[in-house]
Amino acid sequence: MRFFHLLNFQHVMLYLFPTLVFMVVFGVGLAYQHFSGKDAEARKERITYRFAGGIEDRDAPFPLIMVLIIAGTVAWAFCYILFTGILEVKI
C-alpha cells in the first residue's frame, strides 16, 4: 500500500504515454517514409504477385522507420554488452 495514491497514477502515465507516442510515431513513419530511389513510385504501383482470393503483392520500398529501429536495437545491444563488461556489472 502506498501513502500517496497519486504516485500510482504517475507511474501509469510514465509507462503509458511514451508507449502511445511511440505507436503514433511508428505508424506515421511506416505510412509515409520510405527509401526513395529512381523506381520507388513504380514499385509501389506494380503488382508482382497475385494470390488466390484477390490478394495482390507489391515490392514496395523498405520503410525508413524500420531501418532506424533495427539500427537502434543493434547499437543498444552492442553498447549494453560492452558497458556491462567494462563496468563489471553483475547480472
N, C-alpha and C. Protein backbone atom coordinates (compact mmCIF):
# COMPACT_ATOMS: atom_id res chain seq x y z
N MET A 1 0.83 -1.17 0.00
CA MET A 1 0.00 0.00 0.00
C MET A 1 0.88 1.25 0.00
N ARG A 2 0.53 2.17 -0.85
CA ARG A 2 1.31 3.41 -0.94
C ARG A 2 0.67 4.50 -0.09
N PHE A 3 1.50 5.38 0.41
CA PHE A 3 0.99 6.51 1.18
C PHE A 3 0.38 7.57 0.26
N PHE A 4 0.92 7.68 -0.96
CA PHE A 4 0.43 8.67 -1.90
C PHE A 4 -0.16 7.94 -3.10
N HIS A 5 -1.48 7.98 -3.23
CA HIS A 5 -2.15 7.26 -4.30
C HIS A 5 -1.88 7.88 -5.67
N LEU A 6 -1.54 9.15 -5.68
CA LEU A 6 -1.24 9.81 -6.95
C LEU A 6 0.03 9.23 -7.58
N LEU A 7 0.91 8.66 -6.79
CA LEU A 7 2.14 8.09 -7.32
C LEU A 7 1.85 6.92 -8.26
N ASN A 8 0.82 6.13 -7.97
CA ASN A 8 0.42 5.05 -8.87
C ASN A 8 0.01 5.62 -10.22
N PHE A 9 -0.77 6.69 -10.21
CA PHE A 9 -1.21 7.32 -11.45
C PHE A 9 -0.02 7.86 -12.24
N GLN A 10 0.94 8.45 -11.55
CA GLN A 10 2.12 8.98 -12.23
C GLN A 10 2.92 7.85 -12.88
N HIS A 11 3.04 6.73 -12.24
CA HIS A 11 3.76 5.60 -12.83
C HIS A 11 3.03 5.06 -14.05
N VAL A 12 1.72 4.98 -13.97
CA VAL A 12 0.95 4.51 -15.12
C VAL A 12 1.13 5.46 -16.29
N MET A 13 1.11 6.75 -16.04
CA MET A 13 1.30 7.73 -17.11
C MET A 13 2.72 7.65 -17.69
N LEU A 14 3.71 7.40 -16.84
CA LEU A 14 5.09 7.28 -17.32
C LEU A 14 5.27 6.05 -18.20
N TYR A 15 4.48 5.01 -17.98
CA TYR A 15 4.55 3.82 -18.83
C TYR A 15 3.68 3.97 -20.06
N LEU A 16 2.51 4.55 -19.90
CA LEU A 16 1.52 4.59 -20.97
C LEU A 16 1.81 5.67 -22.01
N PHE A 17 2.16 6.86 -21.58
CA PHE A 17 2.34 7.97 -22.51
C PHE A 17 3.46 7.74 -23.53
N PRO A 18 4.67 7.32 -23.11
CA PRO A 18 5.71 7.07 -24.12
C PRO A 18 5.33 5.94 -25.08
N THR A 19 4.59 4.96 -24.60
CA THR A 19 4.15 3.87 -25.48
C THR A 19 3.19 4.38 -26.53
N LEU A 20 2.24 5.19 -26.14
CA LEU A 20 1.29 5.74 -27.11
C LEU A 20 1.98 6.66 -28.11
N VAL A 21 2.91 7.47 -27.64
CA VAL A 21 3.65 8.34 -28.55
C VAL A 21 4.46 7.51 -29.54
N PHE A 22 5.11 6.45 -29.05
CA PHE A 22 5.89 5.60 -29.95
C PHE A 22 4.99 4.94 -30.99
N MET A 23 3.81 4.48 -30.59
CA MET A 23 2.91 3.83 -31.55
C MET A 23 2.46 4.80 -32.64
N VAL A 24 2.18 6.03 -32.27
CA VAL A 24 1.75 7.02 -33.26
C VAL A 24 2.90 7.36 -34.20
N VAL A 25 4.09 7.61 -33.65
CA VAL A 25 5.25 7.94 -34.49
C VAL A 25 5.61 6.76 -35.39
N PHE A 26 5.54 5.56 -34.87
CA PHE A 26 5.84 4.37 -35.66
C PHE A 26 4.84 4.20 -36.80
N GLY A 27 3.56 4.39 -36.52
CA GLY A 27 2.54 4.28 -37.55
C GLY A 27 2.70 5.32 -38.65
N VAL A 28 2.97 6.55 -38.25
CA VAL A 28 3.18 7.61 -39.24
C VAL A 28 4.45 7.33 -40.04
N GLY A 29 5.48 6.85 -39.37
CA GLY A 29 6.73 6.52 -40.07
C GLY A 29 6.55 5.41 -41.07
N LEU A 30 5.77 4.39 -40.73
CA LEU A 30 5.51 3.31 -41.68
C LEU A 30 4.67 3.78 -42.85
N ALA A 31 3.78 4.70 -42.60
CA ALA A 31 2.87 5.12 -43.66
C ALA A 31 3.50 6.06 -44.68
N TYR A 32 4.43 6.92 -44.23
CA TYR A 32 4.86 7.99 -45.12
C TYR A 32 6.34 8.02 -45.48
N GLN A 33 7.19 7.32 -44.77
CA GLN A 33 8.62 7.43 -45.04
C GLN A 33 9.16 6.14 -45.64
N HIS A 34 9.76 6.25 -46.81
CA HIS A 34 10.39 5.11 -47.47
C HIS A 34 11.74 5.57 -48.02
N PHE A 35 12.60 4.59 -48.23
CA PHE A 35 13.80 4.91 -49.00
C PHE A 35 13.35 5.15 -50.43
N SER A 36 13.60 6.31 -50.95
CA SER A 36 13.14 6.60 -52.30
C SER A 36 14.31 6.50 -53.26
N GLY A 37 14.06 5.79 -54.31
CA GLY A 37 15.05 5.65 -55.37
C GLY A 37 14.44 6.07 -56.69
N LYS A 38 15.07 5.68 -57.76
CA LYS A 38 14.57 6.07 -59.08
C LYS A 38 13.21 5.45 -59.37
N ASP A 39 13.03 4.20 -58.95
CA ASP A 39 11.80 3.49 -59.30
C ASP A 39 10.88 3.26 -58.10
N ALA A 40 10.99 4.10 -57.06
CA ALA A 40 10.21 3.89 -55.84
C ALA A 40 8.71 3.99 -56.10
N GLU A 41 8.28 4.99 -56.86
CA GLU A 41 6.86 5.14 -57.15
C GLU A 41 6.35 4.02 -58.03
N ALA A 42 7.15 3.58 -58.98
CA ALA A 42 6.73 2.49 -59.86
C ALA A 42 6.61 1.18 -59.07
N ARG A 43 7.49 0.97 -58.09
CA ARG A 43 7.44 -0.25 -57.28
C ARG A 43 6.20 -0.29 -56.40
N LYS A 44 5.73 0.89 -55.95
CA LYS A 44 4.51 0.93 -55.15
C LYS A 44 3.28 0.57 -55.99
N GLU A 45 3.31 0.89 -57.28
CA GLU A 45 2.17 0.66 -58.16
C GLU A 45 2.17 -0.72 -58.80
N ARG A 46 3.36 -1.26 -59.14
CA ARG A 46 3.47 -2.50 -59.89
C ARG A 46 3.11 -3.71 -59.01
N ILE A 47 2.24 -4.55 -59.50
CA ILE A 47 1.84 -5.77 -58.78
C ILE A 47 2.79 -6.88 -59.20
N THR A 48 3.45 -7.50 -58.23
CA THR A 48 4.42 -8.54 -58.57
C THR A 48 3.83 -9.95 -58.48
N TYR A 49 2.90 -10.18 -57.56
CA TYR A 49 2.28 -11.50 -57.41
C TYR A 49 0.79 -11.33 -57.21
N ARG A 50 0.04 -12.31 -57.71
CA ARG A 50 -1.40 -12.38 -57.46
C ARG A 50 -1.69 -13.72 -56.82
N PHE A 51 -2.35 -13.66 -55.68
CA PHE A 51 -2.69 -14.87 -54.95
C PHE A 51 -4.18 -15.13 -55.04
N ALA A 52 -4.58 -16.31 -54.61
CA ALA A 52 -5.99 -16.67 -54.62
C ALA A 52 -6.76 -15.75 -53.67
N GLY A 53 -7.98 -15.48 -54.02
CA GLY A 53 -8.82 -14.63 -53.17
C GLY A 53 -8.64 -13.15 -53.46
N GLY A 54 -7.95 -12.79 -54.54
CA GLY A 54 -7.79 -11.39 -54.91
C GLY A 54 -6.70 -10.66 -54.16
N ILE A 55 -5.83 -11.37 -53.49
CA ILE A 55 -4.73 -10.74 -52.76
C ILE A 55 -3.60 -10.44 -53.73
N GLU A 56 -3.12 -9.20 -53.69
CA GLU A 56 -2.04 -8.78 -54.59
C GLU A 56 -0.83 -8.36 -53.76
N ASP A 57 0.35 -8.63 -54.27
CA ASP A 57 1.59 -8.30 -53.57
C ASP A 57 2.38 -7.30 -54.40
N ARG A 58 2.92 -6.31 -53.69
CA ARG A 58 3.76 -5.31 -54.35
C ARG A 58 5.14 -5.33 -53.71
N ASP A 59 6.14 -4.95 -54.45
CA ASP A 59 7.51 -4.89 -53.96
C ASP A 59 7.83 -3.45 -53.59
N ALA A 60 7.23 -2.98 -52.49
CA ALA A 60 7.39 -1.59 -52.07
C ALA A 60 8.74 -1.38 -51.41
N PRO A 61 9.22 -0.14 -51.37
CA PRO A 61 10.49 0.16 -50.70
C PRO A 61 10.41 -0.11 -49.20
N PHE A 62 11.56 -0.37 -48.59
CA PHE A 62 11.63 -0.67 -47.16
C PHE A 62 11.44 0.62 -46.37
N PRO A 63 10.57 0.63 -45.34
CA PRO A 63 10.32 1.86 -44.58
C PRO A 63 11.55 2.33 -43.80
N LEU A 64 11.78 3.62 -43.82
CA LEU A 64 12.92 4.22 -43.14
C LEU A 64 12.84 4.01 -41.63
N ILE A 65 11.63 4.08 -41.07
CA ILE A 65 11.48 3.93 -39.62
C ILE A 65 11.93 2.54 -39.17
N MET A 66 11.72 1.53 -40.00
CA MET A 66 12.16 0.17 -39.66
C MET A 66 13.68 0.09 -39.65
N VAL A 67 14.33 0.75 -40.59
CA VAL A 67 15.79 0.77 -40.62
C VAL A 67 16.33 1.43 -39.36
N LEU A 68 15.72 2.54 -38.94
CA LEU A 68 16.17 3.24 -37.75
C LEU A 68 15.95 2.40 -36.49
N ILE A 69 14.83 1.70 -36.40
CA ILE A 69 14.55 0.87 -35.23
C ILE A 69 15.52 -0.31 -35.17
N ILE A 70 15.77 -0.95 -36.29
CA ILE A 70 16.70 -2.08 -36.31
C ILE A 70 18.11 -1.62 -35.97
N ALA A 71 18.55 -0.50 -36.55
CA ALA A 71 19.88 0.02 -36.25
C ALA A 71 19.99 0.43 -34.79
N GLY A 72 18.96 1.05 -34.24
CA GLY A 72 18.97 1.44 -32.84
C GLY A 72 19.02 0.23 -31.91
N THR A 73 18.31 -0.83 -32.26
CA THR A 73 18.33 -2.04 -31.45
C THR A 73 19.71 -2.68 -31.45
N VAL A 74 20.32 -2.75 -32.61
CA VAL A 74 21.66 -3.34 -32.71
C VAL A 74 22.67 -2.48 -31.94
N ALA A 75 22.58 -1.16 -32.08
CA ALA A 75 23.51 -0.27 -31.36
C ALA A 75 23.31 -0.38 -29.86
N TRP A 76 22.05 -0.42 -29.40
CA TRP A 76 21.77 -0.56 -27.97
C TRP A 76 22.31 -1.88 -27.43
N ALA A 77 22.09 -2.98 -28.16
CA ALA A 77 22.57 -4.29 -27.70
C ALA A 77 24.10 -4.30 -27.62
N PHE A 78 24.76 -3.74 -28.62
CA PHE A 78 26.22 -3.70 -28.61
C PHE A 78 26.74 -2.88 -27.43
N CYS A 79 26.16 -1.69 -27.24
CA CYS A 79 26.60 -0.85 -26.12
C CYS A 79 26.27 -1.48 -24.78
N TYR A 80 25.15 -2.15 -24.67
CA TYR A 80 24.77 -2.81 -23.42
C TYR A 80 25.78 -3.89 -23.05
N ILE A 81 26.14 -4.71 -24.03
CA ILE A 81 27.12 -5.77 -23.79
C ILE A 81 28.48 -5.17 -23.46
N LEU A 82 28.87 -4.15 -24.20
CA LEU A 82 30.17 -3.51 -23.99
C LEU A 82 30.26 -2.86 -22.61
N PHE A 83 29.28 -2.06 -22.24
CA PHE A 83 29.34 -1.36 -20.96
C PHE A 83 29.11 -2.29 -19.77
N THR A 84 28.36 -3.34 -19.96
CA THR A 84 28.21 -4.33 -18.87
C THR A 84 29.55 -4.97 -18.59
N GLY A 85 30.33 -5.26 -19.63
CA GLY A 85 31.65 -5.85 -19.44
C GLY A 85 32.66 -4.86 -18.88
N ILE A 86 32.62 -3.62 -19.38
CA ILE A 86 33.59 -2.62 -18.93
C ILE A 86 33.36 -2.24 -17.47
N LEU A 87 32.10 -2.04 -17.10
CA LEU A 87 31.78 -1.63 -15.74
C LEU A 87 31.70 -2.79 -14.76
N GLU A 88 31.89 -4.00 -15.24
CA GLU A 88 31.87 -5.22 -14.45
C GLU A 88 30.61 -5.34 -13.62
N VAL A 89 29.48 -5.16 -14.29
CA VAL A 89 28.18 -5.26 -13.63
C VAL A 89 27.83 -6.73 -13.46
N LYS A 90 27.38 -7.09 -12.27
CA LYS A 90 26.97 -8.47 -12.02
C LYS A 90 25.48 -8.58 -12.24
N ILE A 91 25.10 -9.44 -13.17
CA ILE A 91 23.69 -9.60 -13.51
C ILE A 91 23.10 -10.72 -12.68
